[in-house]
Amino acid sequence: SKVQCVTCAKDKGTVQCHGCSQSFCFKHLTDHRQQLSQQFDEIQMTRDLLRQTLTEYSNNSQKHPLINEIDRWEQHSINLIRKTAEEARQKMQKHTTEHLSKMEKKLNDLTKQLREGREDDDFVEIDLQQWNQQLTQINEELLKPTNIKVKQSSTPLITMINVEIVDKETTNISANTKWMQNGVTVAGGHGQGDGLNQLNSPYGMCIDGNQTIYVADYGNHRVVEWKKGATTGRIVAGGNGEGNRNDQLYRPTSVVADEKTDSLIISDFNNRRIMQWSRQNGTSGQAIISNVTSYGIAMDSEGYLYVSDLDKREVRRWKIGDKSAGEVVAGGNGKGYRLDQLSSPCGVFVDKNQSVYVVDNGNHRVMKWAKDAREGIVVAGGQGLGSSLSQLYHPREVVVDQLGSVYVADQGNHRIMRWCVGSREGNVIVGGNGFGQGTNQLHCSMSMSFDEGNNLYVSDYRNHRIQRFNVDVK
């Protein structure tokens, strides 16, 4: 039987557009494609204008408004602080150059997608919408970066300034942000296995600025890279069976991407070591820290590495390349429940003030240790094992946003929770529907991360997959 054309409302032979799911007769299908083509042209025009702005910024990075603020501060100061101004200026320019380079890469990637879409005439409404969103995001990041500001103290006469770059890990999330409750599988999801489209008990993960996911594939003794939209991963560390050679891993639990050295920092749990592995086709890694049984690692903006130690019940800070024993920044007073103790520390997060957040798995709580503090404070859980909104059940990972809200991978309750500053209870943002394989379910939520669009990624351990929960824009 014939189907009604959505444009002329006549029953004719029709073709369904897979983008909008509407049916068009052959005449109006051509009109529909022309409309899509016009929208495509508008996207390209916006891209060209953005390219022009990017070129102008690249040719004269001194136009950045924060540079002018630094200059004004310098003019009203005395010779004593000129050295500080120069250091701040260099740091600002370095970040601007790096930021523009990232914008250049994003724009080049989008240009490639547009070219391929035009050449293949293979695009629908959802593609145009995504491209528009990407252009808007690049434009906003270019004209008004959200992760950098100049901070000036209130000290009289002479004020010290510093170009403050928010840690990449510090997520910029609104207090009203919500997430879709049905996740999408972006890595694994084809059962437990060691194929390139499979995972085996994925543990920790991280996401870079290109939405590339690095997964500590615990059961396969490897780290796998999944690029955005990929249906298979690529082994970037390990994958040579369990063992302690430099080309092997044995139960990796955590991974961090170090942009400055273009390497991966990996917690090699059963080998009791922290490995550094080049992202440029590195066939083997090198041990940078030994004799540490770690479930969680983190890195701050100054390049310090923070490592939880299950055996020593502590978190220790190292400078990569430093041969010292590091310094204890949380715990280290034996196993216990006191505020100066930890029991089975797991995930670690460090904010811009170098406050350390530790998942105290054995005590079913998350603790915050301010810089140089002798004891911590409980910021989530701490009310015993349970499933109420004031409790956690063997939590594993923690992320903190710019507002200080604490996000917890509540493993035993198969959910992700958010605890606002000072709250005695958290709220469930995804999961919490019992363990299972449904799109709204998790089975041992082991770790999590956010991309630059604040979409939430969860390591779904026993479902052998990584789930993405998009921001709910409604």
Protein backbone atom coordinates (compact mmCIF):
# COMPACT_ATOMS: atom_id res chain seq x y z
CA SER A 1 0.00 0.00 0.00
CA LYS A 2 1.05 3.55 -0.66
CA VAL A 3 2.14 5.89 2.12
CA GLN A 4 1.20 9.53 2.54
CA CYS A 5 3.90 12.08 1.69
CA VAL A 6 4.50 14.37 4.65
CA THR A 7 4.80 17.40 2.34
CA CYS A 8 1.91 17.07 -0.11
CA ALA A 9 -0.22 14.75 2.06
CA LYS A 10 -0.95 12.52 -0.94
CA ASP A 11 -0.79 8.74 -0.97
CA LYS A 12 2.09 7.96 -3.30
CA GLY A 13 5.14 5.83 -3.64
CA THR A 14 7.39 7.24 -0.94
CA VAL A 15 10.89 7.00 0.48
CA GLN A 16 11.59 7.35 4.18
CA CYS A 17 14.31 9.78 5.27
CA HIS A 18 16.38 7.96 7.87
CA GLY A 19 17.28 11.25 9.54
CA CYS A 20 13.83 12.63 10.34
CA SER A 21 11.94 9.32 9.82
CA GLN A 22 9.42 11.15 7.58
CA SER A 23 8.13 9.77 4.27
CA PHE A 24 8.41 11.84 1.05
CA CYS A 25 7.23 11.28 -2.48
CA PHE A 26 10.03 11.35 -5.05
CA LYS A 27 9.39 14.99 -5.99
CA HIS A 28 9.38 16.27 -2.45
CA LEU A 29 12.26 14.02 -1.44
CA THR A 30 14.37 16.06 -3.86
CA ASP A 31 13.10 19.28 -2.25
CA HIS A 32 13.88 17.85 1.17
CA ARG A 33 17.45 17.02 0.14
CA GLN A 34 17.88 20.55 -1.23
CA GLN A 35 16.78 21.98 2.11
CA LEU A 36 19.30 19.79 3.90
CA SER A 37 21.97 20.91 1.44
CA GLN A 38 21.19 24.57 2.18
CA GLN A 39 21.54 23.89 5.90
CA PHE A 40 24.83 22.17 5.18
CA ASP A 41 26.04 25.27 3.28
CA GLU A 42 25.13 27.44 6.27
CA ILE A 43 27.21 25.21 8.54
CA GLN A 44 30.16 25.50 6.17
CA MET A 45 29.78 29.29 6.11
CA THR A 46 29.79 29.41 9.90
CA ARG A 47 32.86 27.17 9.86
CA ASP A 48 34.64 29.57 7.46
CA LEU A 49 33.93 32.55 9.73
CA LEU A 50 35.19 30.59 12.70
CA ARG A 51 38.33 29.71 10.75
CA GLN A 52 38.92 33.41 10.08
CA THR A 53 38.56 34.26 13.77
CA LEU A 54 40.90 31.44 14.74
CA THR A 55 43.51 32.69 12.25
CA GLU A 56 43.28 36.22 13.66
CA TYR A 57 43.76 34.92 17.18
CA SER A 58 46.66 32.71 16.09
CA ASN A 59 48.45 35.62 14.40
CA ASN A 60 48.16 37.83 17.45
CA SER A 61 47.70 35.97 20.72
CA GLN A 62 48.50 39.24 22.54
CA LYS A 63 44.92 40.36 21.84
CA HIS A 64 43.65 38.06 24.55
CA PRO A 65 41.81 40.27 27.10
CA LEU A 66 43.50 38.59 30.05
CA ILE A 67 46.89 39.68 28.70
CA ASN A 68 45.67 43.28 28.97
CA GLU A 69 44.67 42.67 32.57
CA ILE A 70 48.14 41.39 33.34
CA ASP A 71 49.64 44.48 31.68
CA ARG A 72 47.44 46.86 33.69
CA TRP A 73 48.47 45.11 36.90
CA GLU A 74 52.13 45.44 35.96
CA GLN A 75 51.84 49.19 35.23
CA HIS A 76 50.47 49.89 38.73
CA SER A 77 53.07 47.81 40.48
CA ILE A 78 56.72 48.34 41.31
CA ASN A 79 59.85 46.74 39.94
CA LEU A 80 59.71 44.03 42.58
CA ILE A 81 56.75 42.33 40.90
CA ARG A 82 57.80 42.67 37.24
CA LYS A 83 59.33 39.21 37.31
CA THR A 84 55.99 37.82 38.45
CA ALA A 85 54.21 39.62 35.60
CA GLU A 86 56.56 38.11 33.04
CA GLU A 87 56.09 34.61 34.43
CA ALA A 88 52.32 35.04 34.37
CA ARG A 89 52.42 36.40 30.82
CA GLN A 90 54.46 33.47 29.56
CA LYS A 91 52.12 31.01 31.23
CA MET A 92 49.13 32.77 29.69
CA GLN A 93 50.64 32.76 26.21
CA LYS A 94 51.63 29.11 26.51
CA HIS A 95 48.09 28.14 27.46
CA THR A 96 46.65 30.31 24.67
CA THR A 97 48.91 28.61 22.13
CA GLU A 98 47.94 25.17 23.42
CA HIS A 99 44.27 26.17 23.48
CA LEU A 100 44.39 27.47 19.90
CA SER A 101 46.16 24.31 18.81
CA LYS A 102 43.36 22.24 20.32
CA MET A 103 40.76 24.42 18.60
CA GLU A 104 42.65 24.03 15.32
CA LYS A 105 42.58 20.24 15.65
CA LYS A 106 38.88 20.18 16.52
CA LEU A 107 38.08 22.42 13.56
CA ASN A 108 40.21 20.28 11.24
CA ASP A 109 38.41 17.14 12.43
CA LEU A 110 35.05 18.80 11.80
CA THR A 111 36.20 20.01 8.38
CA LYS A 112 37.09 16.43 7.48
CA GLN A 113 33.64 15.23 8.55
CA LEU A 114 31.96 17.97 6.49
CA ARG A 115 34.07 17.19 3.44
CA GLU A 116 33.31 13.48 3.66
CA GLY A 117 29.63 14.20 4.21
CA ARG A 118 29.50 16.48 1.16
CA GLU A 119 31.50 14.14 -1.08
CA ASP A 120 29.39 11.11 -0.15
CA ASP A 121 26.15 13.10 0.05
CA ASP A 122 25.71 11.15 3.28
CA PHE A 123 24.14 13.36 5.91
CA VAL A 124 20.78 13.71 7.59
CA GLU A 125 19.20 16.01 10.15
CA ILE A 126 20.94 14.49 13.13
CA ASP A 127 24.32 14.98 11.42
CA LEU A 128 23.56 18.65 10.73
CA GLN A 129 22.43 19.11 14.31
CA GLN A 130 25.62 17.54 15.67
CA TRP A 131 27.81 19.63 13.36
CA ASN A 132 26.02 22.79 14.41
CA GLN A 133 26.51 21.86 18.06
CA GLN A 134 30.21 21.21 17.46
CA LEU A 135 30.62 24.58 15.72
CA THR A 136 28.84 26.34 18.57
CA GLN A 137 31.00 24.58 21.15
CA ILE A 138 34.25 25.39 19.30
CA ASN A 139 33.16 29.01 18.89
CA GLU A 140 32.34 29.34 22.60
CA GLU A 141 35.63 27.72 23.63
CA LEU A 142 37.58 29.95 21.25
CA LEU A 143 35.99 33.27 22.19
CA LYS A 144 35.48 32.63 25.88
CA PRO A 145 37.47 29.73 27.37
CA THR A 146 35.89 28.56 30.62
CA ASN A 147 38.97 26.93 32.11
CA ILE A 148 41.23 29.95 32.54
CA LYS A 149 41.16 33.14 34.54
CA VAL A 150 43.47 35.64 36.18
CA LYS A 151 43.25 35.57 39.95
CA GLN A 152 44.25 38.64 42.00
CA SER A 153 44.65 38.60 45.76
CA SER A 154 43.51 41.32 48.19
CA THR A 155 46.97 42.01 49.65
CA PRO A 156 47.42 45.83 49.95
CA LEU A 157 50.02 47.74 47.91
CA ILE A 158 51.52 44.70 46.21
CA THR A 159 49.22 41.98 44.95
CA MET A 160 50.51 38.72 43.55
CA ILE A 161 48.72 37.38 40.48
CA ASN A 162 48.81 34.04 38.79
CA VAL A 163 47.34 32.69 35.58
CA GLU A 164 45.09 29.97 36.91
CA ILE A 165 44.22 27.17 34.55
CA VAL A 166 41.51 24.90 35.86
CA ASP A 167 42.57 21.27 35.89
CA LYS A 168 41.30 19.38 32.88
CA GLU A 169 39.80 16.89 35.29
CA THR A 170 37.76 19.62 36.99
CA THR A 171 34.42 19.38 35.26
CA ASN A 172 32.41 22.55 34.59
CA ILE A 173 28.89 21.36 35.41
CA SER A 174 25.83 23.42 36.32
CA ALA A 175 24.07 22.58 39.57
CA ASN A 176 20.90 21.96 37.51
CA THR A 177 22.48 19.57 35.02
CA LYS A 178 20.69 16.26 34.56
CA TRP A 179 21.52 13.24 32.46
CA MET A 180 19.47 10.93 30.26
CA GLN A 181 18.61 7.78 32.18
CA ASN A 182 19.23 5.41 29.27
CA GLY A 183 22.87 4.96 28.39
CA VAL A 184 24.52 4.23 25.06
CA THR A 185 27.32 1.68 24.78
CA VAL A 186 30.46 3.36 23.41
CA ALA A 187 33.02 0.63 24.12
CA GLY A 188 32.64 -3.12 24.50
CA GLY A 189 29.13 -4.43 24.96
CA HIS A 190 29.71 -7.59 22.94
CA GLY A 191 30.07 -9.91 25.88
CA GLN A 192 33.11 -10.79 27.93
CA GLY A 193 36.14 -11.47 25.74
CA ASP A 194 39.47 -10.29 24.37
CA GLY A 195 38.37 -9.27 20.88
CA LEU A 196 38.98 -5.68 19.80
CA ASN A 197 35.23 -5.06 20.08
CA GLN A 198 35.11 -6.59 23.56
CA LEU A 199 36.17 -5.84 27.11
CA ASN A 200 36.77 -8.08 30.09
CA SER A 201 35.82 -6.44 33.39
CA PRO A 202 36.74 -2.83 32.51
CA TYR A 203 37.98 -0.91 35.54
CA GLY A 204 39.29 2.65 35.40
CA MET A 205 39.17 4.93 32.38
CA CYS A 206 39.86 8.47 31.22
CA ILE A 207 38.73 10.64 28.31
CA ASP A 208 40.84 13.18 26.42
CA GLY A 209 39.71 16.35 24.65
CA ASN A 210 38.86 14.43 21.47
CA GLN A 211 36.47 12.14 23.37
CA THR A 212 38.93 9.29 22.97
CA ILE A 213 38.39 6.80 25.78
CA TYR A 214 41.26 4.92 27.41
CA VAL A 215 40.05 1.85 29.29
CA ALA A 216 41.97 -0.18 31.85
CA ASP A 217 40.77 -3.56 30.57
CA TYR A 218 41.38 -5.36 33.85
CA GLY A 219 40.64 -8.94 32.83
CA ASN A 220 42.56 -8.69 29.54
CA HIS A 221 45.68 -7.14 31.13
CA ARG A 222 45.70 -4.24 28.69
CA VAL A 223 44.71 -0.64 28.09
CA VAL A 224 42.47 -0.11 25.06
CA GLU A 225 41.90 3.13 23.15
CA TRP A 226 38.41 3.74 21.75
CA LYS A 227 38.11 6.75 19.48
CA LYS A 228 34.82 8.63 19.28
CA GLY A 229 32.30 6.63 17.26
CA ALA A 230 34.60 3.60 16.88
CA THR A 231 33.13 0.10 16.90
CA THR A 232 36.44 -1.49 17.86
CA GLY A 233 39.28 -0.47 20.13
CA ARG A 234 43.05 -0.42 19.72
CA ILE A 235 45.46 -1.88 22.26
CA VAL A 236 47.83 0.87 23.40
CA ALA A 237 49.44 -0.82 26.42
CA GLY A 238 49.86 -4.45 27.43
CA GLY A 239 47.79 -7.06 25.65
CA ASN A 240 50.63 -9.57 25.78
CA GLY A 241 49.15 -11.74 28.48
CA GLU A 242 49.54 -11.34 32.20
CA GLY A 243 53.11 -10.83 33.37
CA ASN A 244 55.68 -8.40 34.71
CA ARG A 245 57.73 -7.66 31.60
CA ASN A 246 57.80 -4.03 30.46
CA ASP A 247 55.47 -4.93 27.56
CA GLN A 248 52.97 -6.59 29.90
CA LEU A 249 50.39 -5.59 32.49
CA TYR A 250 48.74 -7.68 35.19
CA ARG A 251 45.27 -6.46 36.23
CA PRO A 252 45.47 -2.72 35.37
CA THR A 253 43.04 -0.68 37.47
CA SER A 254 43.50 2.99 36.59
CA VAL A 255 44.75 5.08 33.67
CA VAL A 256 45.52 8.79 33.27
CA ALA A 257 46.43 10.57 30.01
CA ASP A 258 49.39 12.92 30.53
CA GLU A 259 49.04 15.50 27.75
CA LYS A 260 52.42 17.14 28.48
CA THR A 261 54.41 13.96 27.85
CA ASP A 262 51.87 12.41 25.47
CA SER A 263 51.85 9.28 27.58
CA LEU A 264 49.55 7.11 29.65
CA ILE A 265 50.10 6.61 33.38
CA ILE A 266 48.79 3.18 34.37
CA SER A 267 48.26 1.50 37.71
CA ASP A 268 49.53 -2.06 37.17
CA PHE A 269 47.80 -3.51 40.22
CA ASN A 270 49.04 -7.09 40.52
CA ASN A 271 52.59 -6.07 39.59
CA ARG A 272 52.50 -3.41 42.33
CA ARG A 273 53.85 -0.69 40.08
CA ILE A 274 52.88 2.46 38.19
CA MET A 275 53.78 2.38 34.50
CA GLN A 276 54.31 5.17 31.98
CA TRP A 277 53.50 4.23 28.39
CA SER A 278 53.99 6.45 25.33
CA ARG A 279 50.85 7.10 23.28
CA GLN A 280 52.94 7.19 20.09
CA ASN A 281 52.84 3.48 19.30
CA GLY A 282 54.70 2.53 22.45
CA THR A 283 55.42 -1.20 22.46
CA SER A 284 56.50 -1.21 26.09
CA GLY A 285 56.34 0.98 29.15
CA GLN A 286 58.59 1.82 32.05
CA ALA A 287 57.94 1.52 35.77
CA ILE A 288 58.06 4.98 37.37
CA ILE A 289 56.87 3.90 40.84
CA SER A 290 57.34 0.48 42.44
CA ASN A 291 56.05 -1.34 45.51
CA VAL A 292 52.62 0.24 45.47
CA THR A 293 49.28 -1.60 45.33
CA SER A 294 47.07 1.00 43.73
CA TYR A 295 43.45 1.11 42.65
CA GLY A 296 43.53 4.83 41.82
CA ILE A 297 45.83 7.50 40.40
CA ALA A 298 45.34 11.17 39.56
CA MET A 299 47.47 14.03 38.26
CA ASP A 300 47.25 17.73 39.08
CA SER A 301 47.94 20.70 36.79
CA GLU A 302 51.55 20.93 37.99
CA GLY A 303 52.34 17.37 36.97
CA TYR A 304 52.28 15.81 40.43
CA LEU A 305 51.02 12.24 40.54
CA TYR A 306 48.73 11.09 43.37
CA VAL A 307 48.60 7.36 44.05
CA SER A 308 46.38 5.45 46.47
CA ASP A 309 48.01 2.48 48.21
CA LEU A 310 45.74 -0.30 49.38
CA ASP A 311 48.37 -1.98 51.58
CA LYS A 312 49.66 1.18 53.28
CA ARG A 313 46.17 2.73 53.63
CA GLU A 314 47.38 6.06 52.24
CA VAL A 315 47.61 8.39 49.26
CA ARG A 316 51.10 9.54 48.33
CA ARG A 317 52.18 12.36 46.00
CA TRP A 318 55.10 12.07 43.58
CA LYS A 319 56.76 14.25 40.99
CA ILE A 320 57.33 12.11 37.91
CA GLY A 321 61.04 11.47 37.53
CA ASP A 322 61.74 12.15 41.19
CA LYS A 323 63.39 9.13 42.83
CA SER A 324 62.22 10.07 46.33
CA ALA A 325 59.60 8.16 48.28
CA GLY A 326 57.07 10.94 47.72
CA GLU A 327 54.96 12.45 50.48
CA VAL A 328 51.82 11.24 52.23
CA VAL A 329 48.86 13.54 51.54
CA ALA A 330 46.04 11.40 52.98
CA GLY A 331 45.89 8.56 55.49
CA GLY A 332 49.08 6.77 56.41
CA ASN A 333 47.99 6.13 59.99
CA GLY A 334 46.99 2.52 59.63
CA LYS A 335 43.66 0.95 58.79
CA GLY A 336 40.73 2.50 60.62
CA TYR A 337 37.69 4.72 60.66
CA ARG A 338 39.17 7.85 62.28
CA LEU A 339 39.35 11.04 60.24
CA ASP A 340 43.12 10.60 59.92
CA GLN A 341 42.77 7.02 58.67
CA LEU A 342 41.66 5.14 55.58
CA SER A 343 40.47 1.61 54.92
CA SER A 344 40.99 0.25 51.39
CA PRO A 345 41.56 3.58 49.56
CA CYS A 346 40.57 3.40 45.88
CA GLY A 347 39.81 6.28 43.51
CA VAL A 348 41.60 9.61 43.88
CA PHE A 349 40.78 13.12 42.63
CA VAL A 350 42.78 16.35 43.06
CA ASP A 351 41.20 19.80 42.69
CA LYS A 352 42.83 23.10 41.69
CA ASN A 353 43.74 23.82 45.33
CA GLN A 354 45.51 20.45 45.60
CA SER A 355 42.85 19.16 47.95
CA VAL A 356 42.77 15.37 47.68
CA TYR A 357 39.49 13.44 47.49
CA VAL A 358 39.81 9.75 48.35
CA VAL A 359 37.29 6.94 47.95
CA ASP A 360 37.56 5.12 51.29
CA ASN A 361 36.07 1.88 49.99
CA GLY A 362 36.24 -0.15 53.20
CA ASN A 363 34.54 2.61 55.19
CA HIS A 364 31.90 3.27 52.50
CA ARG A 365 32.71 6.97 52.31
CA VAL A 366 34.53 9.65 50.33
CA MET A 367 36.94 11.93 52.18
CA LYS A 368 38.48 15.30 51.38
CA TRP A 369 41.96 16.16 52.61
CA ALA A 370 42.89 19.83 52.17
CA LYS A 371 46.49 20.58 51.23
CA ASP A 372 48.82 19.90 54.21
CA ALA A 373 45.88 18.71 56.37
CA ARG A 374 46.52 16.16 59.11
CA GLU A 375 43.06 14.66 58.77
CA GLY A 376 40.19 14.64 56.31
CA ILE A 377 36.49 15.37 56.34
CA VAL A 378 33.70 13.12 55.06
CA VAL A 379 32.05 14.58 51.94
CA ALA A 380 29.92 11.58 50.90
CA GLY A 381 28.63 8.51 52.71
CA GLY A 382 30.16 7.58 56.03
CA GLN A 383 26.86 6.27 57.39
CA GLY A 384 27.73 2.62 57.07
CA LEU A 385 27.12 0.20 54.23
CA GLY A 386 23.71 0.63 52.61
CA SER A 387 21.57 1.84 49.73
CA SER A 388 19.86 4.91 51.21
CA LEU A 389 20.69 8.37 49.84
CA SER A 390 22.99 8.98 52.81
CA GLN A 391 24.93 5.75 52.27
CA LEU A 392 27.37 4.12 49.88
CA TYR A 393 28.19 0.48 49.23
CA HIS A 394 31.87 -0.13 48.48
CA PRO A 395 32.32 3.00 46.31
CA ARG A 396 35.17 2.97 43.79
CA GLU A 397 35.68 6.30 42.01
CA VAL A 398 35.25 10.03 42.65
CA VAL A 399 35.12 13.13 40.43
CA VAL A 400 34.60 16.69 41.69
CA ASP A 401 33.24 19.57 39.61
CA GLN A 402 34.05 23.28 39.82
CA LEU A 403 31.23 23.84 42.34
CA GLY A 404 32.69 21.25 44.69
CA SER A 405 29.93 18.72 44.02
CA VAL A 406 31.19 15.18 44.51
CA TYR A 407 30.31 12.44 42.00
CA VAL A 408 30.71 8.88 43.25
CA ALA A 409 30.75 5.55 41.44
CA ASP A 410 28.71 3.61 44.00
CA GLN A 411 29.76 0.14 42.88
CA GLY A 412 27.70 -2.07 45.17
CA ASN A 413 24.52 -0.08 44.54
CA HIS A 414 25.08 -0.04 40.76
CA ARG A 415 24.62 3.72 40.51
CA ILE A 416 26.35 7.09 40.14
CA MET A 417 25.59 9.65 42.84
CA ARG A 418 26.10 13.39 43.23
CA TRP A 419 26.66 15.01 46.62
CA CYS A 420 26.44 18.80 46.77
CA VAL A 421 28.73 20.67 49.14
CA GLY A 422 27.59 20.28 52.74
CA SER A 423 24.78 17.83 51.93
CA ARG A 424 24.13 14.87 54.21
CA GLU A 425 22.45 13.03 51.35
CA GLY A 426 23.29 12.57 47.71
CA ASN A 427 21.06 12.03 44.72
CA VAL A 428 21.20 9.31 42.10
CA ILE A 429 22.02 10.74 38.66
CA VAL A 430 22.15 7.47 36.67
CA GLY A 431 21.59 3.80 37.47
CA GLY A 432 20.13 2.72 40.79
CA ASN A 433 17.64 0.44 39.06
CA GLY A 434 19.10 -2.80 40.33
CA PHE A 435 21.90 -4.62 38.56
CA GLY A 436 21.25 -5.74 35.02
CA GLN A 437 22.03 -5.25 31.35
CA GLY A 438 19.32 -2.72 30.53
CA THR A 439 20.23 0.68 29.13
CA ASN A 440 19.11 2.25 32.42
CA GLN A 441 21.00 -0.29 34.52
CA LEU A 442 24.56 -0.91 35.63
CA HIS A 443 26.24 -3.95 37.13
CA CYS A 444 29.09 -2.78 39.38
CA SER A 445 29.71 0.85 38.40
CA MET A 446 33.48 0.81 38.77
CA SER A 447 34.57 4.23 37.50
CA MET A 448 33.32 7.28 35.63
CA SER A 449 34.45 10.31 33.71
CA PHE A 450 32.99 13.36 31.95
CA ASP A 451 33.79 14.65 28.48
CA GLU A 452 33.99 18.34 27.59
CA GLY A 453 30.25 18.37 26.89
CA ASN A 454 29.59 17.04 30.42
CA ASN A 455 28.30 13.73 29.09
CA LEU A 456 28.87 11.02 31.68
CA TYR A 457 30.81 7.83 30.93
CA VAL A 458 30.58 4.84 33.27
CA SER A 459 32.72 1.72 33.43
CA ASP A 460 30.07 -1.01 33.68
CA TYR A 461 32.32 -3.73 35.11
CA ARG A 462 30.24 -6.90 35.00
CA ASN A 463 28.46 -5.95 31.78
CA HIS A 464 31.89 -5.55 30.14
CA ARG A 465 31.03 -2.22 28.55
CA ILE A 466 31.45 1.54 28.81
CA GLN A 467 28.14 3.41 28.91
CA ARG A 468 27.65 7.07 27.97
CA PHE A 469 24.79 9.01 29.53
CA ASN A 470 24.21 12.20 27.56
CA VAL A 471 23.28 15.47 29.19
CA ASP A 472 19.50 15.91 29.23
CA VAL A 473 18.97 19.21 27.39
CA LYS A 474 15.23 19.35 28.08
